[in-house]
Amino acid sequence: MSAKVIIMVLASLTFAYSKVDVTKYIKFYYPDSVIEIRNIILSKDQVKRASKLAKVKIRSRLVSFYLIKDKSGNIVAYAYIDTHRVRTKPETVLYIITRDGELEVAEVIAFLEPPEYKADERWLSIFKGKSLYKDKLILRRDIPNITGATLTARAITRSVRKVLALWQVVFGDKR
């Protein structure tokens, strides 16, 4: 088993062990919403398109989105949890995406690197309103670096591109 696989399994277990209730985070932003989890198996073509859009290799065909619905059952937004390695330890980020494919929220909900490397809310807010089609989402070009936490900035920027690309191939193509 490769080191990357072991780290991702440990990250998943750490996230699960922390007993974080993702719906509580989502309800903070959408208090009156109904949340539905949608597990999706991507086709090989969807993986290839998402990887190309994100400029990041998509490693799994299984993705899980949270559909955020109003009381009438209409989708008002989408949420995605991404766990990735920063340096040697994992970070888990909640992303909320609007119906138009723009990032609304990026919130770090688990960070196992030293706390001084964690991205702060102000830096994360730079991603609000960003999308794959109107923004390049390239670190040090349209996304500023985090002094002293370059690996965190790189990991989150890549993660944002990946999540928006997955949203695009799963839901955006239907719009």
C-alpha atoms as a PDB file:
ATOM      1  CA  MET A   1       0.000   0.000   0.000  1.00  0.00           C
ATOM      2  CA  SER A   2       1.448   3.385  -0.967  1.00  0.00           C
ATOM      3  CA  ALA A   3       2.167   6.141   1.542  1.00  0.00           C
ATOM      4  CA  LYS A   4      -0.462   8.383  -0.099  1.00  0.00           C
ATOM      5  CA  VAL A   5      -3.176   5.765   0.325  1.00  0.00           C
ATOM      6  CA  ILE A   6      -2.213   5.217   3.962  1.00  0.00           C
ATOM      7  CA  ILE A   7      -2.297   8.963   4.667  1.00  0.00           C
ATOM      8  CA  MET A   8      -5.715   9.358   3.046  1.00  0.00           C
ATOM      9  CA  VAL A   9      -7.095   6.383   4.992  1.00  0.00           C
ATOM     10  CA  LEU A  10      -5.703   7.826   8.225  1.00  0.00           C
ATOM     11  CA  ALA A  11      -7.180  11.221   7.346  1.00  0.00           C
ATOM     12  CA  SER A  12     -10.568   9.666   6.754  1.00  0.00           C
ATOM     13  CA  LEU A  13     -10.372   7.743  10.012  1.00  0.00           C
ATOM     14  CA  THR A  14      -9.228  10.844  11.890  1.00  0.00           C
ATOM     15  CA  PHE A  15     -12.111  12.822  10.441  1.00  0.00           C
ATOM     16  CA  ALA A  16     -14.573  10.051  11.298  1.00  0.00           C
ATOM     17  CA  TYR A  17     -13.100   9.608  14.769  1.00  0.00           C
ATOM     18  CA  SER A  18     -13.460  13.317  15.508  1.00  0.00           C
ATOM     19  CA  LYS A  19     -17.223  12.714  15.184  1.00  0.00           C
ATOM     20  CA  VAL A  20     -17.686  15.915  13.234  1.00  0.00           C
ATOM     21  CA  ASP A  21     -21.264  16.218  12.100  1.00  0.00           C
ATOM     22  CA  VAL A  22     -20.984  17.817   8.673  1.00  0.00           C
ATOM     23  CA  THR A  23     -24.655  18.709   8.672  1.00  0.00           C
ATOM     24  CA  LYS A  24     -24.095  20.977  11.698  1.00  0.00           C
ATOM     25  CA  TYR A  25     -21.517  22.952   9.722  1.00  0.00           C
ATOM     26  CA  ILE A  26     -23.854  23.204   6.758  1.00  0.00           C
ATOM     27  CA  LYS A  27     -26.793  24.182   8.984  1.00  0.00           C
ATOM     28  CA  PHE A  28     -24.699  27.061  10.336  1.00  0.00           C
ATOM     29  CA  TYR A  29     -24.830  28.589   6.834  1.00  0.00           C
ATOM     30  CA  TYR A  30     -28.275  27.266   5.857  1.00  0.00           C
ATOM     31  CA  PRO A  31     -30.206  26.859   9.132  1.00  0.00           C
ATOM     32  CA  ASP A  32     -33.603  25.996   7.616  1.00  0.00           C
ATOM     33  CA  SER A  33     -32.272  23.619   4.999  1.00  0.00           C
ATOM     34  CA  VAL A  34     -32.865  19.950   4.354  1.00  0.00           C
ATOM     35  CA  ILE A  35     -29.631  18.113   3.607  1.00  0.00           C
ATOM     36  CA  GLU A  36     -29.377  15.050   1.400  1.00  0.00           C
ATOM     37  CA  ILE A  37     -26.164  13.097   0.871  1.00  0.00           C
ATOM     38  CA  ARG A  38     -25.598  11.985  -2.709  1.00  0.00           C
ATOM     39  CA  ASN A  39     -22.895   9.351  -3.311  1.00  0.00           C
ATOM     40  CA  ILE A  40     -21.894   9.340  -6.958  1.00  0.00           C
ATOM     41  CA  ILE A  41     -19.708   6.965  -8.931  1.00  0.00           C
ATOM     42  CA  LEU A  42     -18.044   8.942 -11.696  1.00  0.00           C
ATOM     43  CA  SER A  43     -17.552   7.464 -15.123  1.00  0.00           C
ATOM     44  CA  LYS A  44     -13.996   7.234 -16.438  1.00  0.00           C
ATOM     45  CA  ASP A  45     -14.851  10.111 -18.776  1.00  0.00           C
ATOM     46  CA  GLN A  46     -16.052  12.273 -15.883  1.00  0.00           C
ATOM     47  CA  VAL A  47     -12.841  11.571 -13.943  1.00  0.00           C
ATOM     48  CA  LYS A  48     -10.783  12.511 -16.978  1.00  0.00           C
ATOM     49  CA  ARG A  49     -12.761  15.738 -17.580  1.00  0.00           C
ATOM     50  CA  ALA A  50     -12.636  16.730 -13.898  1.00  0.00           C
ATOM     51  CA  SER A  51      -8.891  16.100 -13.764  1.00  0.00           C
ATOM     52  CA  LYS A  52      -8.381  18.238 -16.848  1.00  0.00           C
ATOM     53  CA  LEU A  53     -10.572  21.070 -15.520  1.00  0.00           C
ATOM     54  CA  ALA A  54      -8.924  21.000 -12.088  1.00  0.00           C
ATOM     55  CA  LYS A  55      -5.393  20.492 -13.376  1.00  0.00           C
ATOM     56  CA  VAL A  56      -5.190  17.950 -10.550  1.00  0.00           C
ATOM     57  CA  LYS A  57      -5.427  14.164 -10.777  1.00  0.00           C
ATOM     58  CA  ILE A  58      -8.755  12.909  -9.436  1.00  0.00           C
ATOM     59  CA  ARG A  59      -7.890   9.710  -7.567  1.00  0.00           C
ATOM     60  CA  SER A  60     -11.301   8.279  -6.772  1.00  0.00           C
ATOM     61  CA  ARG A  61     -14.386   7.607  -8.832  1.00  0.00           C
ATOM     62  CA  LEU A  62     -16.578   7.775  -5.721  1.00  0.00           C
ATOM     63  CA  VAL A  63     -17.567  11.287  -4.626  1.00  0.00           C
ATOM     64  CA  SER A  64     -20.101  12.448  -2.066  1.00  0.00           C
ATOM     65  CA  PHE A  65     -21.935  15.743  -2.334  1.00  0.00           C
ATOM     66  CA  TYR A  66     -24.374  17.176   0.164  1.00  0.00           C
ATOM     67  CA  LEU A  67     -27.411  18.652  -1.560  1.00  0.00           C
ATOM     68  CA  ILE A  68     -28.677  21.634   0.404  1.00  0.00           C
ATOM     69  CA  LYS A  69     -32.398  22.037  -0.204  1.00  0.00           C
ATOM     70  CA  ASP A  70     -35.059  24.474   0.902  1.00  0.00           C
ATOM     71  CA  LYS A  71     -38.215  23.186   2.577  1.00  0.00           C
ATOM     72  CA  SER A  72     -39.857  22.807  -0.851  1.00  0.00           C
ATOM     73  CA  GLY A  73     -37.118  20.413  -1.957  1.00  0.00           C
ATOM     74  CA  ASN A  74     -35.370  22.820  -4.335  1.00  0.00           C
ATOM     75  CA  ILE A  75     -31.575  22.685  -4.342  1.00  0.00           C
ATOM     76  CA  VAL A  76     -30.158  25.987  -3.080  1.00  0.00           C
ATOM     77  CA  ALA A  77     -26.486  24.933  -2.844  1.00  0.00           C
ATOM     78  CA  TYR A  78     -24.101  21.980  -2.736  1.00  0.00           C
ATOM     79  CA  ALA A  79     -21.511  21.015  -0.125  1.00  0.00           C
ATOM     80  CA  TYR A  80     -18.437  18.848  -0.411  1.00  0.00           C
ATOM     81  CA  ILE A  81     -15.926  17.653   2.168  1.00  0.00           C
ATOM     82  CA  ASP A  82     -12.348  17.271   0.930  1.00  0.00           C
ATOM     83  CA  THR A  83      -9.588  15.679   2.972  1.00  0.00           C
ATOM     84  CA  HIS A  84      -6.083  16.110   1.601  1.00  0.00           C
ATOM     85  CA  ARG A  85      -2.493  16.129   2.797  1.00  0.00           C
ATOM     86  CA  VAL A  86      -0.846  19.471   3.476  1.00  0.00           C
ATOM     87  CA  ARG A  87       2.725  18.526   4.335  1.00  0.00           C
ATOM     88  CA  THR A  88       2.697  15.211   6.154  1.00  0.00           C
ATOM     89  CA  LYS A  89      -0.677  15.406   7.881  1.00  0.00           C
ATOM     90  CA  PRO A  90      -4.242  15.805   6.659  1.00  0.00           C
ATOM     91  CA  GLU A  91      -6.596  18.741   6.521  1.00  0.00           C
ATOM     92  CA  THR A  92     -10.347  18.559   5.957  1.00  0.00           C
ATOM     93  CA  VAL A  93     -12.204  21.438   4.354  1.00  0.00           C
ATOM     94  CA  LEU A  94     -15.924  22.021   3.921  1.00  0.00           C
ATOM     95  CA  TYR A  95     -16.833  23.697   0.645  1.00  0.00           C
ATOM     96  CA  ILE A  96     -20.250  25.114  -0.178  1.00  0.00           C
ATOM     97  CA  ILE A  97     -20.945  25.806  -3.841  1.00  0.00           C
ATOM     98  CA  THR A  98     -23.822  27.890  -5.199  1.00  0.00           C
ATOM     99  CA  ARG A  99     -26.218  26.589  -7.858  1.00  0.00           C
ATOM    100  CA  ASP A 100     -24.200  28.626 -10.359  1.00  0.00           C
ATOM    101  CA  GLY A 101     -20.930  26.855  -9.541  1.00  0.00           C
ATOM    102  CA  GLU A 102     -19.350  29.618  -7.471  1.00  0.00           C
ATOM    103  CA  LEU A 103     -17.626  28.864  -4.209  1.00  0.00           C
ATOM    104  CA  GLU A 104     -19.587  30.341  -1.335  1.00  0.00           C
ATOM    105  CA  VAL A 105     -17.781  28.877   1.690  1.00  0.00           C
ATOM    106  CA  ALA A 106     -14.392  27.314   2.375  1.00  0.00           C
ATOM    107  CA  GLU A 107     -14.019  26.327   6.020  1.00  0.00           C
ATOM    108  CA  VAL A 108     -11.265  24.219   7.544  1.00  0.00           C
ATOM    109  CA  ILE A 109     -12.951  21.755   9.889  1.00  0.00           C
ATOM    110  CA  ALA A 110      -9.948  19.539  10.727  1.00  0.00           C
ATOM    111  CA  PHE A 111      -6.261  20.458  10.581  1.00  0.00           C
ATOM    112  CA  LEU A 112      -3.588  18.137  11.950  1.00  0.00           C
ATOM    113  CA  GLU A 113      -0.486  20.122  10.976  1.00  0.00           C
ATOM    114  CA  PRO A 114       0.859  22.628  13.534  1.00  0.00           C
ATOM    115  CA  PRO A 115      -1.734  25.388  14.072  1.00  0.00           C
ATOM    116  CA  GLU A 116       0.556  28.158  12.821  1.00  0.00           C
ATOM    117  CA  TYR A 117       0.244  26.666   9.317  1.00  0.00           C
ATOM    118  CA  LYS A 118      -3.553  26.748   9.265  1.00  0.00           C
ATOM    119  CA  ALA A 119      -5.210  29.122   6.784  1.00  0.00           C
ATOM    120  CA  ASP A 120      -7.197  31.841   8.504  1.00  0.00           C
ATOM    121  CA  GLU A 121     -10.753  32.877   7.654  1.00  0.00           C
ATOM    122  CA  ARG A 122      -9.620  36.069   5.932  1.00  0.00           C
ATOM    123  CA  TRP A 123      -7.417  34.170   3.488  1.00  0.00           C
ATOM    124  CA  LEU A 124     -10.106  31.526   2.886  1.00  0.00           C
ATOM    125  CA  SER A 125     -12.612  34.299   2.084  1.00  0.00           C
ATOM    126  CA  ILE A 126     -10.547  35.098  -1.039  1.00  0.00           C
ATOM    127  CA  PHE A 127     -12.207  32.071  -2.653  1.00  0.00           C
ATOM    128  CA  LYS A 128     -15.754  33.363  -2.121  1.00  0.00           C
ATOM    129  CA  GLY A 129     -17.431  33.913  -5.493  1.00  0.00           C
ATOM    130  CA  LYS A 130     -14.669  32.130  -7.425  1.00  0.00           C
ATOM    131  CA  SER A 131     -15.521  29.637 -10.161  1.00  0.00           C
ATOM    132  CA  LEU A 132     -13.584  27.571 -12.664  1.00  0.00           C
ATOM    133  CA  TYR A 133     -14.730  29.526 -15.675  1.00  0.00           C
ATOM    134  CA  LYS A 134     -14.205  33.112 -14.634  1.00  0.00           C
ATOM    135  CA  ASP A 135     -11.135  32.614 -12.423  1.00  0.00           C
ATOM    136  CA  LYS A 136      -7.795  30.897 -12.951  1.00  0.00           C
ATOM    137  CA  LEU A 137      -7.403  29.865  -9.311  1.00  0.00           C
ATOM    138  CA  ILE A 138      -3.622  29.801  -9.494  1.00  0.00           C
ATOM    139  CA  LEU A 139      -1.558  30.339  -6.377  1.00  0.00           C
ATOM    140  CA  ARG A 140       0.631  33.479  -6.512  1.00  0.00           C
ATOM    141  CA  ARG A 141      -1.259  34.783  -9.539  1.00  0.00           C
ATOM    142  CA  ASP A 142      -4.882  35.443  -8.623  1.00  0.00           C
ATOM    143  CA  ILE A 143      -4.654  33.688  -5.232  1.00  0.00           C
ATOM    144  CA  PRO A 144      -2.095  35.201  -2.833  1.00  0.00           C
ATOM    145  CA  ASN A 145       0.280  32.944  -0.948  1.00  0.00           C
ATOM    146  CA  ILE A 146       0.198  32.583   2.844  1.00  0.00           C
ATOM    147  CA  THR A 147       3.541  33.699   4.252  1.00  0.00           C
ATOM    148  CA  GLY A 148       4.987  30.832   6.271  1.00  0.00           C
ATOM    149  CA  ALA A 149       2.281  28.416   5.127  1.00  0.00           C
ATOM    150  CA  THR A 150       2.916  27.937   1.419  1.00  0.00           C
ATOM    151  CA  LEU A 151       2.070  24.230   1.533  1.00  0.00           C
ATOM    152  CA  THR A 152      -1.318  24.988   3.100  1.00  0.00           C
ATOM    153  CA  ALA A 153      -2.065  27.619   0.460  1.00  0.00           C
ATOM    154  CA  ARG A 154      -1.052  25.228  -2.306  1.00  0.00           C
ATOM    155  CA  ALA A 155      -3.111  22.343  -0.877  1.00  0.00           C
ATOM    156  CA  ILE A 156      -6.273  24.416  -0.456  1.00  0.00           C
ATOM    157  CA  THR A 157      -5.966  26.072  -3.878  1.00  0.00           C
ATOM    158  CA  ARG A 158      -5.611  22.656  -5.528  1.00  0.00           C
ATOM    159  CA  SER A 159      -8.504  21.349  -3.468  1.00  0.00           C
ATOM    160  CA  VAL A 160     -10.749  24.259  -4.511  1.00  0.00           C
ATOM    161  CA  ARG A 161     -10.015  23.582  -8.187  1.00  0.00           C
ATOM    162  CA  LYS A 162     -10.712  19.862  -7.675  1.00  0.00           C
ATOM    163  CA  VAL A 163     -14.020  20.407  -5.868  1.00  0.00           C
ATOM    164  CA  LEU A 164     -15.258  22.961  -8.411  1.00  0.00           C
ATOM    165  CA  ALA A 165     -14.276  20.627 -11.265  1.00  0.00           C
ATOM    166  CA  LEU A 166     -16.128  17.722  -9.654  1.00  0.00           C
ATOM    167  CA  TRP A 167     -19.191  19.926  -9.191  1.00  0.00           C
ATOM    168  CA  GLN A 168     -18.968  20.965 -12.851  1.00  0.00           C
ATOM    169  CA  VAL A 169     -18.878  17.444 -14.275  1.00  0.00           C
ATOM    170  CA  VAL A 170     -21.560  16.115 -11.905  1.00  0.00           C
ATOM    171  CA  PHE A 171     -24.023  19.006 -11.686  1.00  0.00           C
ATOM    172  CA  GLY A 172     -22.820  21.890 -13.872  1.00  0.00           C
ATOM    173  CA  ASP A 173     -23.137  20.045 -17.155  1.00  0.00           C
ATOM    174  CA  LYS A 174     -26.863  19.573 -16.445  1.00  0.00           C
ATOM    175  CA  ARG A 175     -27.512  23.301 -16.145  1.00  0.00           C
END
